[in-house]
Structures are given as structure tokens and as C-alpha cells.
């Protein structure tokens, strides 16, 4: 009888224990859903300049100025200077900028002097002056001295054309034999056409002197003068562009491994923080989420900012697809340099215990 009572009591104790366990587990489940925790994603990051400006010479006859904005990941502007192959140029950097290591926007960095372009400009200016003189003759009328000058100019122009004709014919033959370049042939033929044009102008001037000025001849001379002025303006713009002006303010960029960079400037008063996240973490991050930036090289320094851009294109890092999340921080004291690394802690909001376990499991599977 006593044994039976003990068995009944023991059975009730086990049942009570099971009920207690069920209640405790249920309470834990309920609390894990009701109680919210702050969730933080801890990710590596690196710092890059907000803007980068470089003057690059990728090829012997090309100098390119490129501005890249790292906060938008686009090339904002580039300018290409194409140097003529037979040309000789001087590239001179501003030594004062090299000494102080910092440059202001609008400051002159370097000057490029092209001998070929300056010779062309001088030649065009001479032709323009001659054309204006011819126009003045047409407008002033017939004079003995003017007639003699016009005849001499025509004789000189014909002599130049006659003397150059064998040269251009020789270059054509050499080009057919593949002994000279197409560029040299183009220069020779352009010069020959210029001599022919001079003969035509001199002949027209003489005829005008002999027969009196005609409106058609005056209009022709004016058209030629306008064409020379247009060519001079274009060439002057090119020469002006050979004075390289800094489009941004910043510190000089060193290029130990890239010999194609002639000059570089980094705008680092504001830095772009590139945060590397994994594919499964992308769904938890939104723009304007707060993030704390911790610097590996500066213990104790923490900057608070917000996410301002989320990349939708994967980058392969360590043979795995990664996504770049961007934020910006101030760096007016230049204490942080491009290329430094740190740790970003992104606050993704409050979540329950179940979601935390789920995220940790996803993180484990991605290892």
C-alpha cells in the first residue's frame, strides 16, 4: 500500500516537473519575442579621399587630367591633351606647391609649353596680318607703289610654290614606298595647299589693284581673314588649357608604384568610409542607419555618422561577393590618411532574441 502511494506521489512530481519546464520554456519563448535588443553589425572598413585629381601620361603623346569622386564612384571630369608627334614639349611643375605639399583650388600646378603649337600660332598670325594688309589695299584703291608690291608678292608666292612642288612629290613617292608616315605626308600636302592658297591670294590682290576693288573680292578676303582668326582663337584656347589649374583643394598624392601619374591631389578634409559587408547582411541595412567608426590606428577615437549610400553591385573580395556601404566623416586636421583601415559598427535597429540567433546562424553558414 505504501509503495503504491509512493508511486502516485512520484508520478505527480514528474508531472509537475514537466509542467514547470513547459511553463519556463514558454516564458522564455514569449520573453524572447517581446523583449527587444539593440542589434549591431560589426564590419571592416577603409578610408578613401572624397575626391582624387590626377594628371596622367599613359601614352607618350597624351596627357590626361582626371577627377574622380569617391562618394559617387564616378569620373566627374577629364581633359585630354594630345601632343603632336613631331612636337617637343616642356612640362614644368610649380616648385612652391611641391614644397608645401598642399594646393588650393584654382592654383597653377604646372605649365606645358608646346613648340609646335606656338610655331603654328605664329604662322597663322602672320597670315592673318598679310590678309588684313591685302584687304586694306583693296579698300584704298590703285596706287603705283601698291601695284609694284602686289606683283612682287605674286612672284614670291609662285616661287615658293614652284620650289616646294618637288619636295611634296618626293614625300608622296616615299609614302608609297612606306618610308615615311602618313602624318608626314599630311603635313607636306597641307603646306603645299597653303602655298597654292598664297598664290591665289597674291594673284587676286594684283588683279584687284589692276582692275579696282570688287565687292566679291573684298568679301573673299574677309572670309579668309575670319577663318584665320577662328583658327587662332581655337589654338589660343588649347595653349591656355596647357596651363594646368587645380580643380580641387587638397594634399599632394604620392605615387611610388605608378610612374604614369605626373601629379595628384587628394581632397581629404572629408573622407569616404567604405564599409565591406557580406551578401546575407545586405537585407538588414538601409540608408540613414547610424554607424560608429572605430580607427585601428587611433585607440579611443570614435566618429558617429550615417549610411549615405549602399552599393547594389557586388565586388569580389577574398574570393567572395562583398558589397560596399558608404558613409562620410570630417577630417579637417588631416589626421586620417587615405588607405587607413578601421571597424564600423552599424546599428540596424532593435530586434528580438530569435532574430539574433537567426543572424548568427546565417553568419556561421557564410564562413
Protein backbone atom coordinates (compact mmCIF):
# COMPACT_ATOMS: atom_id res chain seq x y z
CA UNK A 1 0.00 0.00 0.00
CA UNK A 2 2.80 2.39 0.90
CA UNK A 3 4.63 1.53 -2.33
CA UNK A 4 1.55 2.43 -4.34
CA UNK A 5 1.28 5.80 -2.58
CA UNK A 6 4.96 6.49 -3.25
CA UNK A 7 4.46 5.71 -6.94
CA UNK A 8 1.47 8.06 -7.13
CA UNK A 9 3.43 10.89 -5.41
CA UNK A 10 6.45 10.25 -7.66
CA UNK A 11 4.24 10.40 -10.75
CA UNK A 12 2.72 13.70 -9.65
CA UNK A 13 6.19 15.14 -9.02
CA UNK A 14 7.31 14.20 -12.53
CA UNK A 15 4.16 15.70 -13.99
CA UNK A 16 4.69 18.88 -12.02
CA UNK A 17 8.32 19.00 -13.16
CA UNK A 18 7.26 18.65 -16.76
CA UNK A 19 4.65 21.37 -16.32
CA UNK A 20 7.23 23.63 -14.71
CA UNK A 21 9.62 23.05 -17.63
CA UNK A 22 6.90 23.73 -20.18
CA UNK A 23 5.97 26.96 -18.39
CA UNK A 24 9.61 28.08 -18.17
CA UNK A 25 10.28 27.29 -21.85
CA UNK A 26 7.06 29.06 -22.84
CA UNK A 27 8.03 32.07 -20.76
CA UNK A 28 11.46 32.15 -22.39
CA UNK A 29 9.90 31.97 -25.85
CA UNK A 30 7.42 34.74 -25.02
CA UNK A 31 10.12 36.92 -23.47
CA UNK A 32 12.46 36.33 -26.43
CA UNK A 33 9.76 37.68 -28.73
CA UNK A 34 8.60 40.55 -26.52
CA UNK A 35 11.99 41.79 -25.31
CA UNK A 36 13.95 43.71 -27.96
CA UNK A 37 17.71 44.04 -28.16
CA UNK A 38 19.93 46.54 -30.00
CA UNK A 39 21.45 44.77 -32.98
CA UNK A 40 24.84 45.89 -34.32
CA UNK A 41 26.70 44.68 -37.40
CA UNK A 42 30.46 44.83 -36.97
CA UNK A 43 32.26 45.16 -40.32
CA UNK A 44 35.75 46.14 -41.55
CA UNK A 45 36.14 49.47 -43.34
CA UNK A 46 38.73 51.63 -45.05
CA UNK A 47 39.08 55.36 -45.66
CA UNK A 48 39.47 56.99 -49.08
CA UNK A 49 39.68 60.61 -50.22
CA UNK A 50 36.40 62.28 -51.10
CA UNK A 51 37.86 63.40 -54.46
CA UNK A 52 41.02 62.48 -56.34
CA UNK A 53 42.59 64.53 -59.12
CA UNK A 54 45.44 63.12 -61.18
CA UNK A 55 47.44 64.27 -64.18
CA UNK A 56 48.33 61.07 -66.03
CA UNK A 57 50.56 60.32 -69.03
CA UNK A 58 49.51 56.83 -70.14
CA UNK A 59 51.00 57.30 -73.61
CA UNK A 60 53.97 59.42 -74.77
CA UNK A 61 51.79 61.87 -76.72
CA UNK A 62 48.77 62.08 -74.37
CA UNK A 63 48.39 63.87 -71.03
CA UNK A 64 45.05 63.39 -69.24
CA UNK A 65 43.58 65.28 -66.29
CA UNK A 66 41.04 63.16 -64.37
CA UNK A 67 38.78 64.00 -61.40
CA UNK A 68 37.21 61.05 -59.57
CA UNK A 69 34.59 61.48 -56.84
CA UNK A 70 34.71 58.54 -54.47
CA UNK A 71 31.46 59.48 -52.73
CA UNK A 72 29.59 58.97 -56.02
CA UNK A 73 32.06 56.47 -57.58
CA UNK A 74 32.08 58.28 -60.91
CA UNK A 75 34.57 60.16 -63.07
CA UNK A 76 33.36 63.75 -62.76
CA UNK A 77 35.54 65.27 -65.48
CA UNK A 78 38.55 64.53 -67.62
CA UNK A 79 40.56 66.62 -70.04
CA UNK A 80 42.84 65.14 -72.71
CA UNK A 81 45.84 66.97 -74.17
CA UNK A 82 47.03 65.30 -77.38
CA UNK A 83 50.59 66.37 -78.24
CA UNK A 84 51.69 66.33 -81.90
CA UNK A 85 54.20 63.55 -82.57
CA UNK A 86 56.90 65.79 -84.14
CA UNK A 87 56.43 68.26 -81.28
CA UNK A 88 58.73 68.95 -78.36
CA UNK A 89 57.15 69.98 -75.06
CA UNK A 90 58.27 71.19 -71.63
CA UNK A 91 56.34 70.10 -68.51
CA UNK A 92 57.26 72.28 -65.51
CA UNK A 93 55.77 71.75 -62.04
CA UNK A 94 55.28 74.57 -59.54
CA UNK A 95 58.09 74.03 -57.03
CA UNK A 96 56.32 76.08 -54.32
CA UNK A 97 53.44 73.58 -54.30
CA UNK A 98 55.86 70.67 -54.06
CA UNK A 99 57.48 72.25 -51.01
CA UNK A 100 54.32 72.97 -49.00
CA UNK A 101 52.56 69.73 -50.00
CA UNK A 102 49.13 71.37 -50.20
CA UNK A 103 47.27 73.13 -53.00
CA UNK A 104 44.25 75.43 -53.16
CA UNK A 105 41.56 75.18 -55.84
CA UNK A 106 42.39 77.47 -58.78
CA UNK A 107 46.14 77.47 -58.07
CA UNK A 108 48.51 76.87 -61.00
CA UNK A 109 50.15 73.46 -60.76
CA UNK A 110 52.21 73.19 -63.93
CA UNK A 111 52.72 74.66 -67.38
CA UNK A 112 53.15 72.77 -70.64
CA UNK A 113 54.97 74.54 -73.46
CA UNK A 114 54.42 73.16 -76.96
CA UNK A 115 56.89 74.35 -79.59
CA UNK A 116 54.76 73.01 -82.45
CA UNK A 117 51.63 74.84 -81.30
CA UNK A 118 53.47 78.12 -80.78
CA UNK A 119 55.03 77.89 -84.25
CA UNK A 120 51.59 77.26 -85.75
CA UNK A 121 50.15 80.22 -83.84
CA UNK A 122 52.93 82.49 -85.08
CA UNK A 123 52.38 81.33 -88.67
CA UNK A 124 48.62 81.87 -88.50
CA UNK A 125 49.11 85.33 -87.02
CA UNK A 126 51.43 86.21 -89.91
CA UNK A 127 48.90 85.01 -92.49
CA UNK A 128 46.16 86.99 -90.78
CA UNK A 129 48.27 90.16 -90.85
CA UNK A 130 49.03 89.65 -94.54
CA UNK A 131 45.33 89.09 -95.32
CA UNK A 132 44.38 92.25 -93.46
CA UNK A 133 47.00 94.14 -95.42
CA UNK A 134 45.55 92.77 -98.68
CA UNK A 135 42.11 93.87 -97.58
CA UNK A 136 43.41 97.35 -96.81
CA UNK A 137 44.89 97.54 -100.32
CA UNK A 138 41.54 96.62 -101.87
CA UNK A 139 39.79 99.30 -99.88
CA UNK A 140 42.34 102.10 -100.57
CA UNK A 141 42.39 101.77 -104.39
CA UNK A 142 45.08 101.62 -107.09
CA UNK A 143 48.49 103.20 -106.47
CA UNK A 144 51.77 102.61 -108.37
CA UNK A 145 53.61 101.54 -105.25
CA UNK A 146 50.78 99.23 -104.29
CA UNK A 147 50.78 97.65 -107.77
CA UNK A 148 54.54 97.00 -107.59
CA UNK A 149 54.17 95.46 -104.14
CA UNK A 150 51.34 93.20 -105.36
CA UNK A 151 53.43 91.99 -108.33
CA UNK A 152 56.38 91.20 -106.08
CA UNK A 153 54.13 89.32 -103.64
CA UNK A 154 52.71 87.22 -106.51
CA UNK A 155 56.20 86.43 -107.84
CA UNK A 156 57.37 85.36 -104.35
CA UNK A 157 54.31 83.18 -103.84
CA UNK A 158 54.81 81.48 -107.22
CA UNK A 159 58.50 80.92 -106.49
CA UNK A 160 57.70 79.31 -103.12
CA UNK A 161 55.11 77.04 -104.75
CA UNK A 162 57.49 76.07 -107.52
CA UNK A 163 60.31 75.34 -105.06
CA UNK A 164 58.12 73.21 -102.81
CA UNK A 165 56.43 71.16 -105.58
CA UNK A 166 59.37 68.70 -105.99
CA UNK A 167 59.52 68.22 -102.21
CA UNK A 168 55.88 67.23 -101.83
CA UNK A 169 56.17 64.92 -104.84
CA UNK A 170 59.23 63.26 -103.26
CA UNK A 171 57.36 62.71 -99.97
CA UNK A 172 54.43 61.19 -101.86
CA UNK A 173 56.79 58.71 -103.51
CA UNK A 174 58.41 57.89 -100.16
CA UNK A 175 54.97 57.35 -98.62
CA UNK A 176 54.01 54.95 -101.44
CA UNK A 177 57.21 53.05 -100.61
CA UNK A 178 56.22 53.09 -96.91
CA UNK A 179 59.36 55.04 -95.96
CA UNK A 180 57.55 57.95 -94.29
CA UNK A 181 54.47 58.11 -92.09
CA UNK A 182 51.00 59.26 -93.10
CA UNK A 183 51.41 62.17 -90.67
CA UNK A 184 54.45 63.49 -92.59
CA UNK A 185 52.56 63.19 -95.86
CA UNK A 186 49.62 65.15 -94.42
CA UNK A 187 51.94 67.92 -93.22
CA UNK A 188 53.63 68.13 -96.62
CA UNK A 189 50.35 68.26 -98.55
CA UNK A 190 48.91 70.84 -96.13
CA UNK A 191 51.97 73.02 -96.66
CA UNK A 192 51.65 72.62 -100.44
CA UNK A 193 47.99 73.67 -100.32
CA UNK A 194 48.98 76.65 -98.21
CA UNK A 195 51.50 77.75 -100.86
CA UNK A 196 48.80 77.39 -103.53
CA UNK A 197 46.44 79.48 -101.44
CA UNK A 198 49.12 82.18 -101.10
CA UNK A 199 49.49 82.27 -104.88
CA UNK A 200 45.71 82.63 -105.28
CA UNK A 201 45.58 85.42 -102.71
CA UNK A 202 48.52 87.25 -104.27
CA UNK A 203 47.02 86.88 -107.75
CA UNK A 204 43.65 88.14 -106.52
CA UNK A 205 45.33 91.10 -104.88
CA UNK A 206 47.19 92.03 -108.06
CA UNK A 207 44.02 91.75 -110.15
CA UNK A 208 42.16 93.91 -107.69
CA UNK A 209 44.89 96.52 -107.84
CA UNK A 210 44.80 96.48 -111.61
CA UNK A 211 41.03 96.50 -112.03
CA UNK A 212 39.91 98.20 -108.85
CA UNK A 213 38.30 96.66 -105.80
CA UNK A 214 35.27 94.46 -106.34
CA UNK A 215 32.83 93.59 -103.59
CA UNK A 216 33.22 89.87 -104.30
CA UNK A 217 37.00 90.11 -103.85
CA UNK A 218 36.58 92.10 -100.66
CA UNK A 219 34.14 89.51 -99.29
CA UNK A 220 36.55 86.70 -100.19
CA UNK A 221 39.43 88.36 -98.36
CA UNK A 222 37.20 88.99 -95.32
CA UNK A 223 36.17 85.33 -95.29
CA UNK A 224 39.80 84.20 -95.36
CA UNK A 225 40.67 86.62 -92.54
CA UNK A 226 37.74 85.35 -90.44
CA UNK A 227 38.92 81.76 -90.97
CA UNK A 228 42.43 82.65 -89.78
CA UNK A 229 41.00 84.43 -86.73
CA UNK A 230 38.88 81.36 -85.88
CA UNK A 231 41.91 79.05 -86.11
CA UNK A 232 43.92 81.43 -83.93
CA UNK A 233 41.17 81.52 -81.28
CA UNK A 234 40.98 77.72 -81.17
CA UNK A 235 44.75 77.39 -80.89
CA UNK A 236 44.87 80.04 -78.14
CA UNK A 237 42.27 78.08 -76.15
CA UNK A 238 44.44 74.98 -76.49
CA UNK A 239 47.51 76.88 -75.33
CA UNK A 240 45.54 78.28 -72.37
CA UNK A 241 44.49 74.73 -71.42
CA UNK A 242 48.18 73.81 -71.24
CA UNK A 243 48.36 75.80 -68.02
CA UNK A 244 47.19 73.15 -65.53
CA UNK A 245 44.98 74.62 -62.77
CA UNK A 246 43.95 72.64 -59.69
CA UNK A 247 40.18 71.91 -59.77
CA UNK A 248 40.10 70.88 -56.08
CA UNK A 249 41.90 71.74 -52.84
CA UNK A 250 43.86 69.05 -51.06
CA UNK A 251 47.17 67.41 -50.24
CA UNK A 252 49.63 66.13 -52.80
CA UNK A 253 49.24 62.49 -53.72
CA UNK A 254 52.34 60.30 -53.74
CA UNK A 255 52.74 57.68 -56.45
CA UNK A 256 55.61 55.36 -55.67
CA UNK A 257 54.43 52.47 -57.85
CA UNK A 258 52.66 54.27 -60.71
CA UNK A 259 55.07 56.15 -62.96
CA UNK A 260 52.27 57.31 -65.27
CA UNK A 261 50.99 59.80 -62.64
CA UNK A 262 52.72 63.16 -63.18
CA UNK A 263 50.79 64.90 -60.42
CA UNK A 264 47.99 64.08 -57.99
CA UNK A 265 45.86 65.76 -55.31
CA UNK A 266 43.59 64.14 -52.71
CA UNK A 267 40.73 66.05 -51.07
CA UNK A 268 40.85 64.63 -47.55
CA UNK A 269 39.15 67.28 -45.39
CA UNK A 270 36.19 64.91 -45.80
CA UNK A 271 36.80 61.17 -46.06
CA UNK A 272 34.60 58.47 -47.55
CA UNK A 273 34.27 55.39 -45.34
CA UNK A 274 33.92 52.24 -47.42
CA UNK A 275 32.34 49.53 -45.25
CA UNK A 276 32.57 45.95 -46.51
CA UNK A 277 29.53 43.78 -45.80
CA UNK A 278 28.59 40.25 -46.78
CA UNK A 279 25.76 39.30 -49.07
CA UNK A 280 23.45 37.98 -46.32
CA UNK A 281 23.89 41.22 -44.32
CA UNK A 282 22.68 43.46 -47.12
CA UNK A 283 18.99 42.97 -46.31
CA UNK A 284 19.47 44.34 -42.77
CA UNK A 285 20.99 47.68 -43.81
CA UNK A 286 19.22 50.82 -45.01
CA UNK A 287 20.28 54.38 -45.78
CA UNK A 288 20.48 56.77 -42.83
CA UNK A 289 21.23 53.95 -40.37
CA UNK A 290 23.62 55.29 -37.68
CA UNK A 291 27.15 53.89 -37.64
CA UNK A 292 30.11 54.29 -35.31
CA UNK A 293 33.55 54.36 -36.92
CA UNK A 294 36.44 53.00 -34.84
CA UNK A 295 40.00 53.62 -36.03
CA UNK A 296 42.55 50.82 -35.85
CA UNK A 297 45.49 53.24 -35.71
CA UNK A 298 43.95 55.61 -33.12
CA UNK A 299 42.78 53.94 -29.95
CA UNK A 300 39.81 55.60 -28.33
CA UNK A 301 38.70 57.71 -31.30
CA UNK A 302 35.15 57.07 -32.48
CA UNK A 303 33.25 59.06 -35.12
CA UNK A 304 29.47 58.87 -35.42
CA UNK A 305 27.89 59.20 -38.85
CA UNK A 306 25.15 57.67 -41.03
CA UNK A 307 24.99 55.43 -44.06
CA UNK A 308 24.53 57.57 -47.18
CA UNK A 309 24.98 55.03 -49.98
CA UNK A 310 24.54 51.28 -50.43
CA UNK A 311 26.12 49.59 -53.42
CA UNK A 312 23.93 47.21 -55.41
CA UNK A 313 26.85 45.72 -57.32
CA UNK A 314 28.99 43.00 -55.75
CA UNK A 315 32.77 43.20 -55.57
CA UNK A 316 34.89 40.07 -55.29
CA UNK A 317 36.98 40.31 -52.11
CA UNK A 318 38.85 37.28 -50.80
CA UNK A 319 37.09 35.21 -53.50
CA UNK A 320 33.67 36.08 -52.05
CA UNK A 321 30.99 38.53 -53.21
CA UNK A 322 31.01 41.61 -50.97
CA UNK A 323 29.05 44.85 -51.05
CA UNK A 324 30.29 48.35 -50.26
CA UNK A 325 28.32 50.58 -47.89
CA UNK A 326 29.46 54.21 -47.72
CA UNK A 327 29.46 56.91 -45.08
CA UNK A 328 31.38 60.19 -44.70
CA UNK A 329 33.33 61.70 -41.83
CA UNK A 330 35.11 65.03 -41.28
CA UNK A 331 38.90 65.10 -41.31
CA UNK A 332 39.85 68.79 -41.10
CA UNK A 333 43.03 68.06 -39.12
CA UNK A 334 44.20 65.54 -41.78
CA UNK A 335 44.90 63.03 -39.01
CA UNK A 336 43.43 60.18 -41.07
CA UNK A 337 45.07 59.33 -44.39
CA UNK A 338 43.56 57.52 -47.37
CA UNK A 339 44.19 53.80 -47.15
CA UNK A 340 43.89 53.55 -43.36
CA UNK A 341 41.52 50.90 -42.01
CA UNK A 342 39.06 50.64 -39.16
CA UNK A 343 35.94 48.93 -37.87
CA UNK A 344 32.37 50.09 -38.50
CA UNK A 345 29.53 49.21 -36.12
CA UNK A 346 26.22 49.69 -37.92
CA UNK A 347 23.13 49.99 -35.72
CA UNK A 348 20.41 48.10 -37.58
CA UNK A 349 17.66 48.71 -35.03
CA UNK A 350 16.09 46.71 -32.20
CA UNK A 351 15.28 43.06 -32.73
CA UNK A 352 14.19 40.01 -30.70
CA UNK A 353 16.27 37.10 -29.45
CA UNK A 354 15.04 34.80 -32.22
CA UNK A 355 16.26 37.16 -34.94
CA UNK A 356 19.63 37.49 -33.23
CA UNK A 357 20.05 33.71 -33.23
CA UNK A 358 18.95 33.59 -36.87
CA UNK A 359 21.53 36.19 -37.90
CA UNK A 360 24.29 34.41 -36.02
CA UNK A 361 23.37 31.16 -37.76
CA UNK A 362 23.50 32.90 -41.17
CA UNK A 363 26.88 34.33 -40.25
CA UNK A 364 28.11 30.87 -39.31
CA UNK A 365 26.94 29.40 -42.63
CA UNK A 366 28.78 32.14 -44.57
CA UNK A 367 32.15 31.31 -43.04
